[in-house]
Amino acid sequence: IIELLRAQGAEVRYHDPHVPQLPELNLRSTPLEELLDGSDLALIVTAHPTVDHELLATRARMVLDLRGITRGSPAGRVVRL
């Protein structure tokens, strides 16, 4: 997913409490609140229970939820697949 987004010109950052870095992609996990500042889209690929998905759903400009973890959120900027 990261490589596909980059190929389309996206600047990619990520947050994952279980994967602190992706050296092969030259990326480090970013704190969630910092990540949300200035991001156009938050993409939920893995539904980690320790991630504050409600914060993500209410603070992100737009969310694409591939796992359905935001199902109960009233946030209107969430797209669920």
C-alpha atoms as a PDB file:
ATOM      1  CA  ILE A   1       0.000   0.000   0.000  1.00  0.00           C
ATOM      2  CA  ILE A   2       2.795   2.417   0.895  1.00  0.00           C
ATOM      3  CA  GLU A   3       4.605   1.785  -2.364  1.00  0.00           C
ATOM      4  CA  LEU A   4       1.384   2.199  -4.376  1.00  0.00           C
ATOM      5  CA  LEU A   5       0.594   5.494  -2.656  1.00  0.00           C
ATOM      6  CA  ARG A   6       4.126   6.770  -3.165  1.00  0.00           C
ATOM      7  CA  ALA A   7       3.967   5.834  -6.853  1.00  0.00           C
ATOM      8  CA  GLN A   8       0.958   8.158  -7.108  1.00  0.00           C
ATOM      9  CA  GLY A   9       2.942  10.996  -5.523  1.00  0.00           C
ATOM     10  CA  ALA A  10       1.674  10.680  -1.951  1.00  0.00           C
ATOM     11  CA  GLU A  11       3.811  11.645   1.027  1.00  0.00           C
ATOM     12  CA  VAL A  12       3.310   8.696   3.370  1.00  0.00           C
ATOM     13  CA  ARG A  13       3.619   8.625   7.156  1.00  0.00           C
ATOM     14  CA  TYR A  14       2.299   5.915   9.448  1.00  0.00           C
ATOM     15  CA  HIS A  15       1.437   5.067  13.050  1.00  0.00           C
ATOM     16  CA  ASP A  16       1.776   1.526  14.348  1.00  0.00           C
ATOM     17  CA  PRO A  17       2.564   0.768  18.005  1.00  0.00           C
ATOM     18  CA  HIS A  18       3.824  -2.693  17.009  1.00  0.00           C
ATOM     19  CA  VAL A  19       6.070  -1.665  14.112  1.00  0.00           C
ATOM     20  CA  PRO A  20       8.326   1.219  15.188  1.00  0.00           C
ATOM     21  CA  GLN A  21      10.074   1.493  11.837  1.00  0.00           C
ATOM     22  CA  LEU A  22      10.095   0.252   8.265  1.00  0.00           C
ATOM     23  CA  PRO A  23      13.752   0.628   7.300  1.00  0.00           C
ATOM     24  CA  GLU A  24      13.222  -0.779   3.812  1.00  0.00           C
ATOM     25  CA  LEU A  25      10.836   2.136   3.153  1.00  0.00           C
ATOM     26  CA  ASN A  26      12.842   4.674   5.179  1.00  0.00           C
ATOM     27  CA  LEU A  27       9.913   5.297   7.552  1.00  0.00           C
ATOM     28  CA  ARG A  28       9.452   5.539  11.318  1.00  0.00           C
ATOM     29  CA  SER A  29       6.159   5.296  13.171  1.00  0.00           C
ATOM     30  CA  THR A  30       4.803   8.755  14.002  1.00  0.00           C
ATOM     31  CA  PRO A  31       2.749   9.525  17.147  1.00  0.00           C
ATOM     32  CA  LEU A  32      -0.950   9.491  16.204  1.00  0.00           C
ATOM     33  CA  GLU A  33      -1.761  13.089  17.166  1.00  0.00           C
ATOM     34  CA  GLU A  34       1.275  14.379  15.280  1.00  0.00           C
ATOM     35  CA  LEU A  35       0.331  12.248  12.302  1.00  0.00           C
ATOM     36  CA  LEU A  36      -3.153  13.735  12.111  1.00  0.00           C
ATOM     37  CA  ASP A  37      -1.822  17.289  11.927  1.00  0.00           C
ATOM     38  CA  GLY A  38      -1.539  18.173   8.265  1.00  0.00           C
ATOM     39  CA  SER A  39      -2.610  14.799   6.845  1.00  0.00           C
ATOM     40  CA  ASP A  40      -5.156  14.786   4.034  1.00  0.00           C
ATOM     41  CA  LEU A  41      -6.168  11.164   4.545  1.00  0.00           C
ATOM     42  CA  ALA A  42      -5.869   8.593   7.320  1.00  0.00           C
ATOM     43  CA  LEU A  43      -5.992   5.021   6.058  1.00  0.00           C
ATOM     44  CA  ILE A  44      -6.854   2.302   8.573  1.00  0.00           C
ATOM     45  CA  VAL A  45      -5.288  -0.929   7.389  1.00  0.00           C
ATOM     46  CA  THR A  46      -4.983  -2.798  10.715  1.00  0.00           C
ATOM     47  CA  ALA A  47      -7.402  -2.514  13.638  1.00  0.00           C
ATOM     48  CA  HIS A  48      -5.017  -2.446  16.595  1.00  0.00           C
ATOM     49  CA  PRO A  49      -7.032  -2.238  19.849  1.00  0.00           C
ATOM     50  CA  THR A  50      -4.462   0.126  21.397  1.00  0.00           C
ATOM     51  CA  VAL A  51      -4.958   2.796  18.695  1.00  0.00           C
ATOM     52  CA  ASP A  52      -7.501   5.537  19.480  1.00  0.00           C
ATOM     53  CA  HIS A  53      -9.658   5.096  16.382  1.00  0.00           C
ATOM     54  CA  GLU A  54     -12.284   7.522  17.686  1.00  0.00           C
ATOM     55  CA  LEU A  55      -9.644  10.260  17.885  1.00  0.00           C
ATOM     56  CA  LEU A  56      -8.565   9.368  14.386  1.00  0.00           C
ATOM     57  CA  ALA A  57     -12.153   9.455  13.071  1.00  0.00           C
ATOM     58  CA  THR A  58     -12.906  12.837  14.620  1.00  0.00           C
ATOM     59  CA  ARG A  59      -9.585  14.628  13.968  1.00  0.00           C
ATOM     60  CA  ALA A  60      -8.531  13.404  10.533  1.00  0.00           C
ATOM     61  CA  ARG A  61      -9.642  15.404   7.492  1.00  0.00           C
ATOM     62  CA  MET A  62     -10.782  12.156   5.883  1.00  0.00           C
ATOM     63  CA  VAL A  63     -10.564   8.504   6.903  1.00  0.00           C
ATOM     64  CA  LEU A  64     -10.623   5.406   4.722  1.00  0.00           C
ATOM     65  CA  ASP A  65     -11.380   2.503   7.058  1.00  0.00           C
ATOM     66  CA  LEU A  66     -10.496  -0.839   5.474  1.00  0.00           C
ATOM     67  CA  ARG A  67     -11.234  -2.793   8.687  1.00  0.00           C
ATOM     68  CA  GLY A  68     -14.622  -1.414   9.814  1.00  0.00           C
ATOM     69  CA  ILE A  69     -13.225  -0.391  13.197  1.00  0.00           C
ATOM     70  CA  THR A  70     -14.954   3.032  13.070  1.00  0.00           C
ATOM     71  CA  ARG A  71     -18.402   1.535  12.452  1.00  0.00           C
ATOM     72  CA  GLY A  72     -19.878   3.119  15.596  1.00  0.00           C
ATOM     73  CA  SER A  73     -18.329   6.543  15.037  1.00  0.00           C
ATOM     74  CA  PRO A  74     -20.639   9.427  14.170  1.00  0.00           C
ATOM     75  CA  ALA A  75     -17.801  11.208  12.320  1.00  0.00           C
ATOM     76  CA  GLY A  76     -19.008  12.145   8.844  1.00  0.00           C
ATOM     77  CA  ARG A  77     -15.648  12.064   7.117  1.00  0.00           C
ATOM     78  CA  VAL A  78     -15.168   8.309   7.347  1.00  0.00           C
ATOM     79  CA  VAL A  79     -15.425   6.056   4.300  1.00  0.00           C
ATOM     80  CA  ARG A  80     -15.738   2.384   5.154  1.00  0.00           C
ATOM     81  CA  LEU A  81     -15.058  -0.494   2.781  1.00  0.00           C
END
